Amino acid sequence: MLCITVAPESRRLGRVDLHNAAPQCDLIELRLDRLGKTPDLRDMLQGIDKPVLISCRRRRDGGIWQGSEDERLQMLRTAIALRPAYIELELDVADQVPRFGNTQRVVSYTQLDRPLRDLETLYNKARDVQADVVKFVGPTPTLSAARPLLAAIGMKRTIPVVGMGLGKTGLMLSLLGCKYGSPWIYAALEKGLEAHAGQATVSDLENVYRWRDICPQTRFLAVAGFGETEATTVRILNAAFAQHQLNARCLSLEIGKPDKFLEMLDILHINVLLANPATSDGVVSLADQLDEGSTASHSADLLVKQPGHWAAYNMIWRSVLRAIEVRLGALSHEDHPLEGRDVLLVGSDETACSIAFGVQRRRGRLSVTGADATAAQHLAQARGARHVPLANLYDTHCEVVILTGAHNTQAAEGTGVALNPSLFRPNLVVADVSRFPEETDLLREARLRGCRVVEPAEIYADYLSSLFRTITGKDLPRELVGETLPLQAVS
């Protein structure tokens, strides 16, 4: 079931939110702690045709109740007399509110400042105070930190357990809860009405994750990180899974401690991890086998469980260079017009290392520069390329410029080389993956100056297509990328 939390600040707004929530969920939680005075609950709930769970959260449990504890408990006793489907009572006060009628008791335990522990003892205490449902709420910053809560949800019990993870990682717990049998999961009615920061909306759960179709047989793929790029990747891949009728979903998470991460993936039967640049070097340390790109760049963007081992792959360089070669006139994947051309690489991060390896494979003549002169020099030496000091940057001949760490000197944004757009000459081929897949000010400037710009959306579409084909053996529907990215048209 899906439970939408409604936490109104007035009776009038509460009635609107309740009526808006009812058609979209199976259960409504009505929180009373935001209301300034005791509401007329009978009036507020009139016409609501979905089961209602009444709660009133203390500040220490994440609510904003400002009255006394006696007043709060009296409000809950009054609410239970209306016979709602559920009443939520904290573990330490549950014995002060007697059972009434057919209303089921959700006995909750919340810990806001650290991950939950010793849940079996807490479960037994909740059972002793006549819980019908046990609810645990706590932060789940990493997959390992969520392990106790996942174990509590997944275990077959006489009293079911509901879990709520706080923060962006809470969505991870909700999706896993769908798979492992949680009686319900929580969602916000819409953006701005979240019960806690980072809570998923009902729209996201329905349209991006198709949560109602998640079952014990659903396979999850892990996506490291919660940025806009990762969110877009999840949206496109989930839509592609649905279009191909594959029972699979992407699961956004944080890696946390590498020594326990693979163990958790095995427990959850997750055999694919998509990494981002911030985690790509850490992914290499998890793998038993590396492809050439991962070995050369010391980074990987894909980790796949093979029989007996984890294999790491670095795939981004192929997509970057394929898009560049299209701009240079390549008609197929067998054409490599980069050979013999002068390529200037601006940056020395993990993505730059990967691309440098690719340029070498394509036999381009590589020059490397970067804000960190030592790192740029080491990269150049490792690839047998020329190092260009920043002082000589604008005197360097090049036919292709690839940016992984640069920003406009006028905009003064980001980190890396403060690049003057005077570098961009007409017909120069320019690619910028520093904020991939977003377009940057430098790319816009390069386009205005007559350069042949490699659109980030083109690189991204190729990258996702390669990932999807590697993971599933199927083609990514091209239109899904074009529908999702509010960028330049995907060719």
Protein backbone atom coordinates (compact mmCIF):
# COMPACT_ATOMS: atom_id res chain seq x y z
CA MET A 1 0.00 0.00 0.00
CA LEU A 2 0.97 3.62 -0.48
CA CYS A 3 0.52 6.04 2.42
CA ILE A 4 0.49 9.78 1.71
CA THR A 5 1.34 11.95 4.69
CA VAL A 6 -0.80 15.07 5.12
CA ALA A 7 0.51 17.54 7.70
CA PRO A 8 -1.70 20.64 7.37
CA GLU A 9 -1.29 23.95 9.16
CA SER A 10 -5.03 24.65 9.14
CA ARG A 11 -8.27 22.70 9.00
CA ARG A 12 -9.20 24.28 5.66
CA LEU A 13 -5.91 23.36 4.01
CA GLY A 14 -6.08 19.96 5.62
CA ARG A 15 -9.41 19.16 4.02
CA VAL A 16 -8.06 20.16 0.59
CA ASP A 17 -4.95 18.00 0.97
CA LEU A 18 -6.95 15.05 2.27
CA HIS A 19 -9.32 15.17 -0.71
CA ASN A 20 -6.39 15.54 -3.12
CA ALA A 21 -4.52 12.64 -1.52
CA ALA A 22 -7.39 10.15 -1.34
CA PRO A 23 -7.56 9.23 -5.08
CA GLN A 24 -3.79 8.69 -5.23
CA CYS A 25 -3.13 6.38 -2.29
CA ASP A 26 -4.33 3.44 -0.25
CA LEU A 27 -3.86 5.02 3.19
CA ILE A 28 -3.65 8.62 4.42
CA GLU A 29 -1.62 9.67 7.42
CA LEU A 30 -3.13 12.80 8.99
CA ARG A 31 -0.56 14.50 11.20
CA LEU A 32 -2.04 16.78 13.85
CA ASP A 33 1.17 18.32 15.22
CA ARG A 34 1.15 21.26 12.79
CA LEU A 35 -2.35 22.40 13.68
CA GLY A 36 -2.50 25.26 16.14
CA LYS A 37 -5.51 23.97 18.05
CA THR A 38 -7.54 20.79 18.42
CA PRO A 39 -9.29 20.29 15.07
CA ASP A 40 -12.77 19.05 14.38
CA LEU A 41 -11.56 15.72 13.01
CA ARG A 42 -15.05 14.48 12.17
CA ASP A 43 -15.51 17.48 9.90
CA MET A 44 -12.03 17.21 8.35
CA LEU A 45 -12.47 13.52 7.51
CA GLN A 46 -16.01 13.81 6.14
CA GLY A 47 -16.16 12.38 2.61
CA ILE A 48 -12.73 10.72 2.76
CA ASP A 49 -13.14 7.20 1.39
CA LYS A 50 -9.67 5.88 2.21
CA PRO A 51 -8.40 4.46 5.52
CA VAL A 52 -6.81 7.13 7.75
CA LEU A 53 -3.89 6.90 10.15
CA ILE A 54 -3.89 9.62 12.85
CA SER A 55 -0.56 10.77 14.32
CA CYS A 56 0.76 13.74 16.28
CA ARG A 57 4.54 13.88 16.26
CA ARG A 58 6.76 15.27 18.97
CA ARG A 59 9.74 17.42 18.05
CA ARG A 60 12.15 14.70 19.03
CA ASP A 61 10.39 12.42 16.55
CA GLY A 62 10.55 14.91 13.69
CA GLY A 63 7.28 16.73 14.34
CA ILE A 64 6.58 20.30 15.45
CA TRP A 65 4.12 19.78 18.32
CA GLN A 66 4.29 22.84 20.60
CA GLY A 67 1.83 21.90 23.32
CA SER A 68 2.33 19.80 26.43
CA GLU A 69 2.64 16.03 26.36
CA ASP A 70 -0.61 15.67 28.29
CA GLU A 71 -2.41 17.77 25.66
CA ARG A 72 -0.93 15.68 22.87
CA LEU A 73 -1.99 12.39 24.42
CA GLN A 74 -5.47 13.73 25.06
CA MET A 75 -5.70 14.73 21.38
CA LEU A 76 -4.77 11.19 20.38
CA ARG A 77 -7.35 9.72 22.79
CA THR A 78 -9.98 12.00 21.27
CA ALA A 79 -8.92 10.98 17.77
CA ILE A 80 -9.12 7.26 18.49
CA ALA A 81 -12.74 7.70 19.63
CA LEU A 82 -13.58 8.52 15.98
CA ARG A 83 -12.45 4.99 15.09
CA PRO A 84 -9.84 5.76 12.39
CA ALA A 85 -8.27 2.75 10.71
CA TYR A 86 -4.97 3.38 12.56
CA ILE A 87 -3.59 5.47 15.39
CA GLU A 88 0.17 6.01 15.73
CA LEU A 89 1.61 5.87 19.24
CA GLU A 90 5.25 6.16 20.24
CA LEU A 91 6.75 3.14 21.96
CA ASP A 92 7.37 4.97 25.26
CA VAL A 93 3.76 6.21 25.61
CA ALA A 94 1.74 3.51 23.85
CA ASP A 95 0.55 2.02 27.13
CA GLN A 96 -1.05 5.37 28.07
CA VAL A 97 -3.56 5.26 25.21
CA PRO A 98 -5.89 2.26 25.53
CA ARG A 99 -7.14 0.23 22.58
CA PHE A 100 -10.53 1.39 21.32
CA GLY A 101 -12.86 -0.28 18.85
CA ASN A 102 -11.35 -1.71 15.69
CA THR A 103 -8.64 0.95 15.38
CA GLN A 104 -5.26 -0.68 14.88
CA ARG A 105 -2.28 0.55 16.84
CA VAL A 106 0.90 1.56 14.97
CA VAL A 107 3.58 1.61 17.64
CA SER A 108 6.54 3.63 16.42
CA TYR A 109 10.13 4.23 17.42
CA THR A 110 12.06 7.14 15.88
CA GLN A 111 15.74 8.00 16.06
CA LEU A 112 16.72 11.09 14.09
CA ASP A 113 20.44 11.49 14.73
CA ARG A 114 21.90 8.04 14.00
CA PRO A 115 20.96 4.78 12.27
CA LEU A 116 18.70 2.41 14.18
CA ARG A 117 20.12 -0.52 16.11
CA ASP A 118 18.83 -3.39 18.29
CA LEU A 119 15.51 -3.46 16.46
CA GLU A 120 14.62 -6.93 17.69
CA THR A 121 14.47 -5.69 21.29
CA LEU A 122 12.39 -2.69 20.21
CA TYR A 123 10.07 -4.95 18.22
CA ASN A 124 9.44 -7.14 21.27
CA LYS A 125 8.68 -4.07 23.39
CA ALA A 126 6.18 -2.84 20.79
CA ARG A 127 4.52 -6.25 20.78
CA ASP A 128 4.18 -6.07 24.57
CA VAL A 129 2.19 -2.80 24.32
CA GLN A 130 -0.31 -4.33 21.88
CA ALA A 131 1.08 -3.15 18.56
CA ASP A 132 -0.78 -4.21 15.43
CA VAL A 133 1.94 -2.68 13.26
CA VAL A 134 5.48 -1.74 14.32
CA LYS A 135 7.06 1.31 12.70
CA PHE A 136 10.75 2.24 12.75
CA VAL A 137 12.01 5.63 11.56
CA GLY A 138 15.66 6.58 11.23
CA PRO A 139 18.39 7.80 8.87
CA THR A 140 19.71 5.34 6.31
CA PRO A 141 22.68 7.28 4.86
CA THR A 142 24.23 4.23 3.21
CA LEU A 143 23.17 0.76 2.18
CA SER A 144 25.05 -0.76 5.12
CA ALA A 145 23.37 1.62 7.59
CA ALA A 146 19.98 0.52 6.25
CA ARG A 147 20.72 -3.15 6.84
CA PRO A 148 19.05 -3.49 10.28
CA LEU A 149 15.90 -1.78 9.04
CA LEU A 150 15.80 -3.92 5.89
CA ALA A 151 16.20 -7.05 7.99
CA ALA A 152 13.33 -5.97 10.25
CA ILE A 153 11.05 -5.33 7.25
CA GLY A 154 11.97 -8.50 5.37
CA MET A 155 11.56 -10.97 8.25
CA LYS A 156 8.30 -12.96 8.35
CA ARG A 157 6.51 -11.90 11.56
CA THR A 158 3.12 -12.09 13.20
CA ILE A 159 3.19 -8.27 13.55
CA PRO A 160 4.23 -6.50 10.33
CA VAL A 161 6.97 -3.86 10.31
CA VAL A 162 6.92 -0.55 8.44
CA GLY A 163 10.18 1.32 7.91
CA MET A 164 10.80 4.94 7.00
CA GLY A 165 14.30 6.03 5.99
CA LEU A 166 15.06 9.73 6.40
CA GLY A 167 16.75 11.87 3.76
CA LYS A 168 17.23 11.13 0.07
CA THR A 169 18.10 7.55 0.87
CA GLY A 170 14.60 7.03 2.23
CA LEU A 171 13.40 6.24 -1.28
CA MET A 172 15.88 3.35 -1.38
CA LEU A 173 14.26 1.89 1.73
CA SER A 174 10.74 2.38 0.35
CA LEU A 175 11.51 0.53 -2.88
CA LEU A 176 13.21 -2.30 -1.04
CA GLY A 177 10.23 -2.36 1.32
CA CYS A 178 7.97 -3.00 -1.69
CA LYS A 179 10.13 -5.96 -2.63
CA TYR A 180 10.42 -7.42 0.86
CA GLY A 181 6.83 -7.11 2.01
CA SER A 182 6.42 -3.88 3.98
CA PRO A 183 2.67 -3.35 4.58
CA TRP A 184 2.94 0.18 3.21
CA ILE A 185 5.42 2.83 2.13
CA TYR A 186 5.25 6.60 2.52
CA ALA A 187 5.13 9.42 -0.02
CA ALA A 188 4.54 13.17 -0.13
CA LEU A 189 1.48 14.47 -1.95
CA GLU A 190 3.66 16.82 -4.01
CA LYS A 191 6.88 18.83 -3.91
CA GLY A 192 6.86 21.21 -0.96
CA LEU A 193 4.64 18.97 1.15
CA GLU A 194 7.28 16.44 2.19
CA ALA A 195 7.08 15.03 5.72
CA HIS A 196 10.87 15.18 5.84
CA ALA A 197 13.59 16.51 3.54
CA GLY A 198 14.17 14.28 0.54
CA GLN A 199 10.91 12.33 0.79
CA ALA A 200 9.71 10.96 -2.55
CA THR A 201 6.47 12.28 -4.02
CA VAL A 202 3.62 10.05 -5.09
CA SER A 203 4.26 11.19 -8.66
CA ASP A 204 7.85 9.93 -8.54
CA LEU A 205 6.83 6.58 -7.08
CA GLU A 206 4.10 6.10 -9.68
CA ASN A 207 5.73 7.50 -12.82
CA VAL A 208 9.46 6.96 -12.31
CA TYR A 209 9.55 3.81 -10.18
CA ARG A 210 6.18 2.16 -10.97
CA TRP A 211 6.17 1.00 -7.39
CA ARG A 212 2.98 -1.05 -7.63
CA ASP A 213 4.70 -3.47 -10.01
CA ILE A 214 7.64 -4.11 -7.66
CA CYS A 215 7.48 -7.62 -6.22
CA PRO A 216 9.81 -10.20 -4.63
CA GLN A 217 11.06 -11.12 -8.12
CA THR A 218 12.04 -7.55 -9.08
CA ARG A 219 15.75 -7.10 -9.78
CA PHE A 220 17.38 -3.86 -8.62
CA LEU A 221 20.33 -2.10 -10.21
CA ALA A 222 22.27 0.24 -7.94
CA VAL A 223 22.96 3.83 -9.03
CA ALA A 224 25.52 5.63 -6.88
CA GLY A 225 24.59 9.20 -6.00
CA PHE A 226 21.59 11.52 -5.83
CA GLY A 227 22.49 14.36 -8.22
CA GLU A 228 20.48 15.56 -11.20
CA THR A 229 22.47 13.38 -13.58
CA GLU A 230 21.82 10.27 -11.52
CA ALA A 231 18.11 11.15 -11.25
CA THR A 232 17.89 11.49 -15.03
CA THR A 233 19.68 8.18 -15.52
CA VAL A 234 17.23 6.45 -13.18
CA ARG A 235 14.23 7.99 -14.94
CA ILE A 236 15.37 6.92 -18.42
CA LEU A 237 16.51 3.43 -17.50
CA ASN A 238 13.34 2.68 -15.52
CA ALA A 239 11.24 3.79 -18.48
CA ALA A 240 13.31 1.55 -20.75
CA PHE A 241 12.86 -1.42 -18.42
CA ALA A 242 9.10 -0.85 -18.53
CA GLN A 243 9.04 -0.51 -22.31
CA HIS A 244 10.90 -3.80 -22.69
CA GLN A 245 8.68 -5.38 -19.98
CA LEU A 246 11.69 -6.15 -17.77
CA ASN A 247 11.00 -6.58 -14.06
CA ALA A 248 13.90 -4.36 -13.01
CA ARG A 249 14.36 -0.97 -11.31
CA CYS A 250 17.18 1.41 -10.54
CA LEU A 251 17.91 1.98 -6.87
CA SER A 252 19.75 5.20 -5.92
CA LEU A 253 22.09 4.81 -2.95
CA GLU A 254 25.34 5.86 -1.34
CA ILE A 255 28.23 3.41 -1.33
CA GLY A 256 29.49 4.13 2.19
CA LYS A 257 32.18 1.79 3.49
CA PRO A 258 33.48 -0.29 0.57
CA ASP A 259 34.33 -3.28 2.78
CA LYS A 260 30.63 -3.93 3.53
CA PHE A 261 29.09 -2.62 0.35
CA LEU A 262 29.54 -5.68 -1.85
CA GLU A 263 28.23 -7.88 0.95
CA MET A 264 25.04 -5.82 1.02
CA LEU A 265 24.69 -5.99 -2.78
CA ASP A 266 24.96 -9.77 -2.57
CA ILE A 267 22.35 -9.94 0.19
CA LEU A 268 19.95 -7.87 -1.93
CA HIS A 269 20.79 -9.81 -5.11
CA ILE A 270 21.98 -6.62 -6.82
CA ASN A 271 24.51 -7.48 -9.52
CA VAL A 272 24.96 -4.15 -11.29
CA LEU A 273 26.26 -0.80 -10.00
CA LEU A 274 26.38 2.40 -12.03
CA ALA A 275 28.93 4.87 -10.67
CA ASN A 276 29.37 8.62 -11.10
CA PRO A 277 32.66 10.55 -11.41
CA ALA A 278 32.74 11.18 -7.65
CA THR A 279 32.62 7.44 -6.91
CA SER A 280 34.35 6.03 -10.00
CA ASP A 281 37.75 5.60 -8.35
CA GLY A 282 36.19 3.85 -5.35
CA VAL A 283 34.37 1.41 -7.63
CA VAL A 284 37.69 0.19 -9.01
CA SER A 285 38.75 -0.88 -5.53
CA LEU A 286 35.65 -3.08 -5.28
CA ALA A 287 36.34 -5.01 -8.47
CA ASP A 288 38.31 -8.22 -8.95
CA GLN A 289 38.72 -7.71 -12.68
CA LEU A 290 39.20 -4.47 -14.64
CA ASP A 291 38.82 -3.73 -18.32
CA GLU A 292 41.51 -1.75 -20.15
CA GLY A 293 39.81 1.60 -19.61
CA SER A 294 39.40 1.04 -15.87
CA THR A 295 43.00 -0.10 -15.53
CA ALA A 296 44.35 2.89 -17.43
CA SER A 297 42.20 5.53 -15.72
CA HIS A 298 41.94 3.94 -12.26
CA SER A 299 38.19 4.59 -12.46
CA ALA A 300 35.06 2.77 -13.57
CA ASP A 301 31.46 3.72 -14.21
CA LEU A 302 30.00 0.21 -14.31
CA LEU A 303 30.43 -2.72 -11.92
CA VAL A 304 28.90 -6.07 -12.90
CA LYS A 305 28.72 -9.30 -10.93
CA GLN A 306 30.16 -12.15 -12.98
CA PRO A 307 30.35 -15.78 -11.84
CA GLY A 308 32.74 -15.69 -8.91
CA HIS A 309 33.88 -12.07 -9.22
CA TRP A 310 32.97 -8.43 -9.79
CA ALA A 311 34.13 -6.85 -13.07
CA ALA A 312 34.68 -3.10 -13.58
CA TYR A 313 34.22 -1.25 -16.86
CA ASN A 314 34.98 2.29 -17.93
CA MET A 315 32.55 3.20 -20.69
CA ILE A 316 32.31 6.98 -20.79
CA TRP A 317 35.38 7.50 -22.99
CA ARG A 318 33.83 5.54 -25.84
CA SER A 319 30.71 7.68 -25.87
CA VAL A 320 32.68 10.94 -25.72
CA LEU A 321 34.97 9.94 -28.58
CA ARG A 322 32.19 8.46 -30.70
CA ALA A 323 30.29 11.76 -30.52
CA ILE A 324 33.47 13.69 -31.38
CA GLU A 325 34.18 11.41 -34.33
CA VAL A 326 30.67 11.98 -35.67
CA ARG A 327 31.47 15.70 -35.69
CA LEU A 328 34.65 14.83 -37.57
CA GLY A 329 32.71 12.95 -40.23
CA ALA A 330 32.63 9.33 -39.06
CA LEU A 331 29.87 7.35 -40.76
CA SER A 332 30.11 4.21 -38.62
CA HIS A 333 31.72 2.87 -35.46
CA GLU A 334 34.54 1.52 -37.61
CA ASP A 335 35.53 5.01 -38.78
CA HIS A 336 38.07 6.70 -36.50
CA PRO A 337 38.85 10.15 -37.93
CA LEU A 338 40.51 11.15 -34.65
CA GLU A 339 43.68 9.37 -35.75
CA GLY A 340 46.49 11.82 -36.35
CA ARG A 341 44.53 14.86 -35.15
CA ASP A 342 45.71 17.23 -32.43
CA VAL A 343 43.54 16.86 -29.34
CA LEU A 344 43.77 19.19 -26.33
CA LEU A 345 42.43 17.73 -23.10
CA VAL A 346 41.68 20.28 -20.37
CA GLY A 347 41.49 18.50 -17.02
CA SER A 348 43.17 15.74 -15.05
CA ASP A 349 40.33 14.11 -13.09
CA GLU A 350 39.08 10.53 -13.44
CA THR A 351 37.00 11.39 -16.52
CA ALA A 352 40.03 13.04 -18.13
CA CYS A 353 42.15 9.95 -17.45
CA SER A 354 39.53 7.79 -19.11
CA ILE A 355 39.28 10.05 -22.18
CA ALA A 356 43.07 10.29 -22.43
CA PHE A 357 43.21 6.51 -22.64
CA GLY A 358 40.58 6.60 -25.39
CA VAL A 359 42.36 9.27 -27.44
CA GLN A 360 45.49 7.13 -27.27
CA ARG A 361 43.49 4.10 -28.45
CA ARG A 362 42.16 6.19 -31.35
CA ARG A 363 45.73 7.33 -32.13
CA GLY A 364 45.03 10.99 -31.70
CA ARG A 365 47.92 13.34 -30.86
CA LEU A 366 47.15 14.23 -27.27
CA SER A 367 48.10 17.31 -25.25
CA VAL A 368 47.04 17.69 -21.62
CA THR A 369 46.66 20.76 -19.43
CA GLY A 370 44.91 21.38 -16.14
CA ALA A 371 44.59 23.59 -13.08
CA ASP A 372 46.64 21.03 -11.15
CA ALA A 373 49.87 21.16 -13.14
CA THR A 374 51.39 18.16 -11.36
CA ALA A 375 48.36 15.94 -11.98
CA ALA A 376 48.15 17.07 -15.62
CA GLN A 377 51.84 16.34 -16.11
CA HIS A 378 51.50 12.88 -14.57
CA LEU A 379 48.53 12.13 -16.83
CA ALA A 380 50.45 13.25 -19.89
CA GLN A 381 53.43 11.10 -18.94
CA ALA A 382 51.23 8.07 -18.29
CA ARG A 383 49.71 8.35 -21.77
CA GLY A 384 52.87 9.34 -23.60
CA ALA A 385 51.30 12.71 -24.39
CA ARG A 386 52.52 16.30 -24.30
CA HIS A 387 51.96 18.39 -21.18
CA VAL A 388 50.94 21.99 -21.87
CA PRO A 389 51.56 24.51 -19.08
CA LEU A 390 48.65 26.90 -18.61
CA ALA A 391 50.88 29.78 -19.68
CA ASN A 392 51.19 28.17 -23.14
CA LEU A 393 47.56 27.07 -23.44
CA TYR A 394 46.45 29.66 -26.01
CA ASP A 395 49.50 29.08 -28.23
CA THR A 396 48.79 25.36 -28.56
CA HIS A 397 47.57 24.11 -31.92
CA CYS A 398 44.58 21.79 -31.69
CA GLU A 399 41.73 20.55 -33.83
CA VAL A 400 39.69 19.09 -30.95
CA VAL A 401 39.24 20.43 -27.42
CA ILE A 402 37.80 18.21 -24.70
CA LEU A 403 36.94 19.87 -21.38
CA THR A 404 36.55 17.92 -18.15
CA GLY A 405 37.70 20.61 -15.72
CA ALA A 406 37.21 24.17 -16.99
CA HIS A 407 34.93 27.15 -16.63
CA ASN A 408 34.37 30.53 -18.21
CA THR A 409 36.61 33.27 -16.83
CA GLN A 410 33.69 35.69 -17.15
CA ALA A 411 31.26 33.45 -15.28
CA ALA A 412 33.85 32.43 -12.69
CA GLU A 413 31.99 29.25 -11.91
CA GLY A 414 33.10 25.84 -10.74
CA THR A 415 36.62 24.58 -10.27
CA GLY A 416 39.41 23.80 -12.68
CA VAL A 417 40.95 25.93 -15.42
CA ALA A 418 39.52 29.43 -15.81
CA LEU A 419 39.32 29.28 -19.59
CA ASN A 420 39.08 32.33 -21.82
CA PRO A 421 36.67 31.64 -24.69
CA SER A 422 39.20 33.17 -27.11
CA LEU A 423 40.56 29.61 -27.33
CA PHE A 424 37.54 28.70 -29.47
CA ARG A 425 38.22 29.27 -33.17
CA PRO A 426 35.75 28.60 -35.99
CA ASN A 427 35.46 24.90 -36.97
CA LEU A 428 37.23 23.74 -33.81
CA VAL A 429 35.50 20.62 -32.43
CA VAL A 430 34.60 21.22 -28.77
CA ALA A 431 33.23 18.78 -26.19
CA ASP A 432 32.57 19.67 -22.54
CA VAL A 433 31.74 16.91 -20.06
CA SER A 434 32.54 18.87 -16.91
CA ARG A 435 28.82 19.06 -16.01
CA PHE A 436 27.69 16.15 -18.12
CA PRO A 437 24.99 15.91 -19.43
CA GLU A 438 24.24 19.63 -18.92
CA GLU A 439 25.32 22.27 -21.36
CA THR A 440 27.85 24.79 -20.01
CA ASP A 441 28.53 28.47 -20.63
CA LEU A 442 31.72 27.50 -22.44
CA LEU A 443 29.81 25.33 -24.89
CA ARG A 444 27.36 28.12 -25.58
CA GLU A 445 30.28 30.46 -26.20
CA ALA A 446 31.96 27.94 -28.47
CA ARG A 447 28.77 27.59 -30.52
CA LEU A 448 28.51 31.37 -30.91
CA ARG A 449 32.12 31.49 -32.14
CA GLY A 450 31.45 29.00 -34.92
CA CYS A 451 32.87 25.86 -33.33
CA ARG A 452 31.51 22.41 -34.08
CA VAL A 453 30.05 21.68 -30.66
CA VAL A 454 29.55 18.12 -29.47
CA GLU A 455 26.20 18.23 -27.69
CA PRO A 456 26.24 16.74 -24.17
CA ALA A 457 22.86 15.15 -24.86
CA GLU A 458 24.37 13.21 -27.76
CA ILE A 459 27.15 11.89 -25.56
CA TYR A 460 24.68 11.04 -22.82
CA ALA A 461 22.31 9.23 -25.19
CA ASP A 462 25.16 7.09 -26.50
CA TYR A 463 26.44 6.44 -22.98
CA LEU A 464 23.05 5.31 -21.66
CA SER A 465 22.49 3.18 -24.75
CA SER A 466 25.82 1.41 -24.17
CA LEU A 467 25.02 0.87 -20.49
CA PHE A 468 21.56 -0.48 -21.23
CA ARG A 469 22.82 -2.82 -23.92
CA THR A 470 25.58 -4.12 -21.64
CA ILE A 471 23.13 -4.68 -18.77
CA THR A 472 20.17 -6.13 -20.66
CA GLY A 473 21.36 -7.09 -24.14
CA LYS A 474 18.61 -4.87 -25.55
CA ASP A 475 18.55 -1.49 -27.28
CA LEU A 476 17.58 1.61 -25.34
CA PRO A 477 14.56 3.27 -27.01
CA ARG A 478 16.13 6.44 -28.39
CA GLU A 479 13.02 8.55 -27.88
CA LEU A 480 13.21 8.10 -24.10
CA VAL A 481 16.37 10.19 -23.94
CA GLY A 482 14.92 12.92 -26.12
CA GLU A 483 11.74 13.06 -24.03
CA THR A 484 13.63 13.30 -20.75
CA LEU A 485 16.50 15.68 -21.43
CA PRO A 486 15.55 19.37 -21.57
CA LEU A 487 18.75 20.04 -23.53
CA GLN A 488 19.77 20.35 -27.15
CA ALA A 489 17.95 17.97 -29.45
CA VAL A 490 19.33 14.46 -29.39
CA SER A 491 20.29 13.43 -32.92
